[in-house]
Amino acid sequence: MTMVIIDLSTFYSSTGTAKLSELGNYIQKARDLAGEGNEIILTGAAPVWLYLKIAHALHGRARKLVYRSPVTGDVIIFDHSPD
């Protein structure tokens, strides 16, 4: 299983603000970066709605999804590993 770190703040760095109108593009970018069956770590300054939509979009594609924050550390969102 490969670990992939996705920094959501980079998805909208050119505009400085995440936009709901770009949600489809953000989801596609996350899916492309995540691949299939990998451990995904979501991090970066981003609105809660973006984290929730990306987490939902990656369910069924990622084996494990982790939220990483300097405040909370790593928080496992789901883990479908057989271990």
N, C-alpha and C. Protein backbone atom coordinates (compact mmCIF):
# COMPACT_ATOMS: atom_id res chain seq x y z
N MET A 1 0.86 -1.18 0.00
CA MET A 1 0.00 0.00 0.00
C MET A 1 0.90 1.23 0.00
N THR A 2 0.65 2.12 -0.91
CA THR A 2 1.40 3.36 -1.04
C THR A 2 0.72 4.47 -0.25
N MET A 3 1.51 5.31 0.41
CA MET A 3 0.98 6.46 1.13
C MET A 3 1.03 7.67 0.20
N VAL A 4 -0.12 8.34 0.05
CA VAL A 4 -0.24 9.53 -0.79
C VAL A 4 -0.72 10.67 0.09
N ILE A 5 0.02 11.75 0.12
CA ILE A 5 -0.38 12.94 0.88
C ILE A 5 -0.98 13.95 -0.08
N ILE A 6 -2.21 14.36 0.22
CA ILE A 6 -2.91 15.34 -0.61
C ILE A 6 -3.12 16.59 0.23
N ASP A 7 -2.49 17.67 -0.18
CA ASP A 7 -2.63 18.97 0.50
C ASP A 7 -3.74 19.74 -0.21
N LEU A 8 -4.89 19.79 0.42
CA LEU A 8 -6.05 20.41 -0.22
C LEU A 8 -5.86 21.91 -0.47
N SER A 9 -5.00 22.55 0.29
CA SER A 9 -4.79 24.00 0.07
C SER A 9 -4.18 24.28 -1.30
N THR A 10 -3.52 23.30 -1.89
CA THR A 10 -2.91 23.50 -3.21
C THR A 10 -3.94 23.46 -4.33
N PHE A 11 -5.14 22.95 -4.05
CA PHE A 11 -6.16 22.84 -5.08
C PHE A 11 -6.67 24.19 -5.54
N TYR A 12 -6.59 25.18 -4.69
CA TYR A 12 -7.13 26.50 -5.02
C TYR A 12 -6.13 27.61 -4.71
N SER A 13 -4.86 27.29 -4.70
CA SER A 13 -3.82 28.27 -4.34
C SER A 13 -3.77 29.45 -5.31
N SER A 14 -4.17 29.24 -6.55
CA SER A 14 -4.11 30.35 -7.51
C SER A 14 -5.18 31.41 -7.24
N THR A 15 -6.30 31.02 -6.62
CA THR A 15 -7.36 31.98 -6.33
C THR A 15 -7.38 32.39 -4.87
N GLY A 16 -6.80 31.59 -3.98
CA GLY A 16 -6.77 31.91 -2.56
C GLY A 16 -8.02 31.51 -1.80
N THR A 17 -9.07 31.13 -2.52
CA THR A 17 -10.33 30.74 -1.89
C THR A 17 -10.91 29.54 -2.62
N ALA A 18 -11.30 28.52 -1.85
CA ALA A 18 -11.98 27.38 -2.45
C ALA A 18 -13.36 27.82 -2.90
N LYS A 19 -13.78 27.34 -4.07
CA LYS A 19 -15.06 27.74 -4.64
C LYS A 19 -15.93 26.52 -4.90
N LEU A 20 -17.17 26.58 -4.44
CA LEU A 20 -18.10 25.48 -4.68
C LEU A 20 -18.26 25.19 -6.16
N SER A 21 -18.18 26.21 -6.99
CA SER A 21 -18.32 26.01 -8.43
C SER A 21 -17.19 25.16 -9.01
N GLU A 22 -16.09 25.01 -8.29
CA GLU A 22 -14.95 24.21 -8.74
C GLU A 22 -14.91 22.84 -8.08
N LEU A 23 -15.94 22.49 -7.32
CA LEU A 23 -15.92 21.25 -6.55
C LEU A 23 -15.66 20.02 -7.41
N GLY A 24 -16.28 19.94 -8.56
CA GLY A 24 -16.05 18.80 -9.46
C GLY A 24 -14.59 18.66 -9.84
N ASN A 25 -13.93 19.78 -10.09
CA ASN A 25 -12.50 19.75 -10.42
C ASN A 25 -11.66 19.30 -9.23
N TYR A 26 -12.01 19.77 -8.03
CA TYR A 26 -11.28 19.37 -6.83
C TYR A 26 -11.41 17.87 -6.60
N ILE A 27 -12.62 17.35 -6.77
CA ILE A 27 -12.85 15.92 -6.57
C ILE A 27 -12.05 15.11 -7.58
N GLN A 28 -12.08 15.52 -8.83
CA GLN A 28 -11.33 14.79 -9.86
C GLN A 28 -9.83 14.82 -9.59
N LYS A 29 -9.32 15.96 -9.16
CA LYS A 29 -7.89 16.06 -8.85
C LYS A 29 -7.53 15.13 -7.69
N ALA A 30 -8.37 15.09 -6.66
CA ALA A 30 -8.11 14.21 -5.51
C ALA A 30 -8.14 12.75 -5.94
N ARG A 31 -9.11 12.37 -6.76
CA ARG A 31 -9.17 10.99 -7.25
C ARG A 31 -7.94 10.63 -8.08
N ASP A 32 -7.52 11.54 -8.93
CA ASP A 32 -6.33 11.30 -9.75
C ASP A 32 -5.09 11.10 -8.88
N LEU A 33 -4.93 11.95 -7.87
CA LEU A 33 -3.77 11.86 -6.99
C LEU A 33 -3.82 10.61 -6.12
N ALA A 34 -5.02 10.24 -5.68
CA ALA A 34 -5.18 9.13 -4.74
C ALA A 34 -4.90 7.77 -5.36
N GLY A 35 -5.25 7.61 -6.61
CA GLY A 35 -5.12 6.30 -7.22
C GLY A 35 -6.12 5.32 -6.61
N GLU A 36 -5.79 4.03 -6.64
CA GLU A 36 -6.67 2.98 -6.13
C GLU A 36 -5.96 2.17 -5.05
N GLY A 37 -6.63 1.97 -3.92
CA GLY A 37 -6.14 1.08 -2.88
C GLY A 37 -5.00 1.60 -2.04
N ASN A 38 -4.76 2.89 -2.03
CA ASN A 38 -3.65 3.47 -1.29
C ASN A 38 -4.10 4.04 0.05
N GLU A 39 -3.12 4.32 0.89
CA GLU A 39 -3.38 5.08 2.12
C GLU A 39 -3.28 6.55 1.77
N ILE A 40 -4.36 7.29 2.02
CA ILE A 40 -4.42 8.70 1.65
C ILE A 40 -4.42 9.54 2.92
N ILE A 41 -3.58 10.57 2.92
CA ILE A 41 -3.56 11.53 4.01
C ILE A 41 -4.01 12.86 3.44
N LEU A 42 -5.11 13.39 4.00
CA LEU A 42 -5.59 14.71 3.61
C LEU A 42 -5.08 15.72 4.62
N THR A 43 -4.53 16.80 4.12
CA THR A 43 -3.97 17.84 4.98
C THR A 43 -4.12 19.19 4.30
N GLY A 44 -3.72 20.24 4.98
CA GLY A 44 -3.72 21.58 4.40
C GLY A 44 -4.91 22.41 4.82
N ALA A 45 -4.73 23.71 4.78
CA ALA A 45 -5.80 24.64 5.13
C ALA A 45 -6.86 24.61 4.04
N ALA A 46 -8.05 24.17 4.43
CA ALA A 46 -9.17 24.08 3.49
C ALA A 46 -10.47 24.10 4.28
N PRO A 47 -11.55 24.52 3.64
CA PRO A 47 -12.83 24.54 4.34
C PRO A 47 -13.32 23.12 4.65
N VAL A 48 -14.10 23.02 5.71
CA VAL A 48 -14.61 21.71 6.14
C VAL A 48 -15.41 21.05 5.02
N TRP A 49 -16.21 21.81 4.28
CA TRP A 49 -17.02 21.20 3.22
C TRP A 49 -16.15 20.51 2.17
N LEU A 50 -14.96 21.06 1.92
CA LEU A 50 -14.07 20.45 0.94
C LEU A 50 -13.50 19.14 1.48
N TYR A 51 -13.09 19.13 2.73
CA TYR A 51 -12.62 17.89 3.35
C TYR A 51 -13.69 16.81 3.29
N LEU A 52 -14.92 17.18 3.64
CA LEU A 52 -16.01 16.19 3.67
C LEU A 52 -16.31 15.63 2.28
N LYS A 53 -16.37 16.49 1.29
CA LYS A 53 -16.66 16.03 -0.07
C LYS A 53 -15.53 15.16 -0.63
N ILE A 54 -14.29 15.52 -0.36
CA ILE A 54 -13.16 14.73 -0.84
C ILE A 54 -13.14 13.38 -0.12
N ALA A 55 -13.37 13.38 1.18
CA ALA A 55 -13.41 12.11 1.93
C ALA A 55 -14.49 11.20 1.36
N HIS A 56 -15.64 11.74 1.07
CA HIS A 56 -16.73 10.94 0.51
C HIS A 56 -16.36 10.41 -0.88
N ALA A 57 -15.72 11.24 -1.68
CA ALA A 57 -15.33 10.84 -3.04
C ALA A 57 -14.26 9.75 -3.04
N LEU A 58 -13.45 9.70 -1.99
CA LEU A 58 -12.36 8.72 -1.94
C LEU A 58 -12.78 7.41 -1.27
N HIS A 59 -13.94 7.39 -0.64
CA HIS A 59 -14.41 6.15 -0.02
C HIS A 59 -14.68 5.13 -1.13
N GLY A 60 -14.13 3.94 -0.96
CA GLY A 60 -14.23 2.92 -2.00
C GLY A 60 -13.03 2.91 -2.93
N ARG A 61 -12.26 3.97 -2.93
CA ARG A 61 -11.04 4.04 -3.75
C ARG A 61 -9.79 3.90 -2.89
N ALA A 62 -9.84 4.50 -1.71
CA ALA A 62 -8.70 4.47 -0.79
C ALA A 62 -8.88 3.30 0.18
N ARG A 63 -7.78 2.66 0.51
CA ARG A 63 -7.84 1.61 1.52
C ARG A 63 -7.93 2.21 2.92
N LYS A 64 -7.23 3.34 3.09
CA LYS A 64 -7.21 4.01 4.39
C LYS A 64 -7.20 5.51 4.13
N LEU A 65 -7.98 6.26 4.92
CA LEU A 65 -8.02 7.71 4.79
C LEU A 65 -7.75 8.33 6.14
N VAL A 66 -6.79 9.26 6.15
CA VAL A 66 -6.34 9.90 7.39
C VAL A 66 -6.43 11.41 7.20
N TYR A 67 -6.90 12.10 8.25
CA TYR A 67 -6.86 13.56 8.30
C TYR A 67 -5.66 13.94 9.15
N ARG A 68 -4.81 14.82 8.63
CA ARG A 68 -3.62 15.24 9.36
C ARG A 68 -3.67 16.74 9.60
N SER A 69 -3.49 17.10 10.88
CA SER A 69 -3.52 18.50 11.28
C SER A 69 -2.44 18.73 12.32
N PRO A 70 -1.83 19.92 12.34
CA PRO A 70 -0.85 20.20 13.39
C PRO A 70 -1.48 20.22 14.77
N VAL A 71 -2.77 20.46 14.85
CA VAL A 71 -3.45 20.52 16.14
C VAL A 71 -3.82 19.12 16.64
N THR A 72 -4.42 18.31 15.76
CA THR A 72 -4.92 16.99 16.17
C THR A 72 -3.94 15.86 15.91
N GLY A 73 -2.97 16.08 15.06
CA GLY A 73 -2.15 14.97 14.60
C GLY A 73 -2.95 14.18 13.58
N ASP A 74 -2.66 12.88 13.47
CA ASP A 74 -3.37 12.04 12.51
C ASP A 74 -4.67 11.50 13.12
N VAL A 75 -5.75 11.63 12.36
CA VAL A 75 -7.05 11.10 12.76
C VAL A 75 -7.51 10.17 11.63
N ILE A 76 -7.73 8.91 11.96
CA ILE A 76 -8.17 7.95 10.95
C ILE A 76 -9.65 8.17 10.67
N ILE A 77 -9.97 8.41 9.41
CA ILE A 77 -11.35 8.59 8.97
C ILE A 77 -11.97 7.23 8.67
N PHE A 78 -11.26 6.41 7.92
CA PHE A 78 -11.65 5.02 7.73
C PHE A 78 -10.41 4.20 7.41
N ASP A 79 -10.52 2.91 7.70
CA ASP A 79 -9.41 1.98 7.43
C ASP A 79 -10.02 0.65 7.03
N HIS A 80 -9.89 0.33 5.75
CA HIS A 80 -10.42 -0.92 5.21
C HIS A 80 -9.31 -1.94 4.98
N SER A 81 -8.19 -1.75 5.67
CA SER A 81 -7.08 -2.70 5.54
C SER A 81 -7.45 -3.99 6.27
N PRO A 82 -7.10 -5.12 5.69
CA PRO A 82 -7.42 -6.39 6.33
C PRO A 82 -6.54 -6.68 7.55
N ASP A 83 -5.52 -5.88 7.81
CA ASP A 83 -4.59 -6.13 8.93
C ASP A 83 -5.28 -5.90 10.25
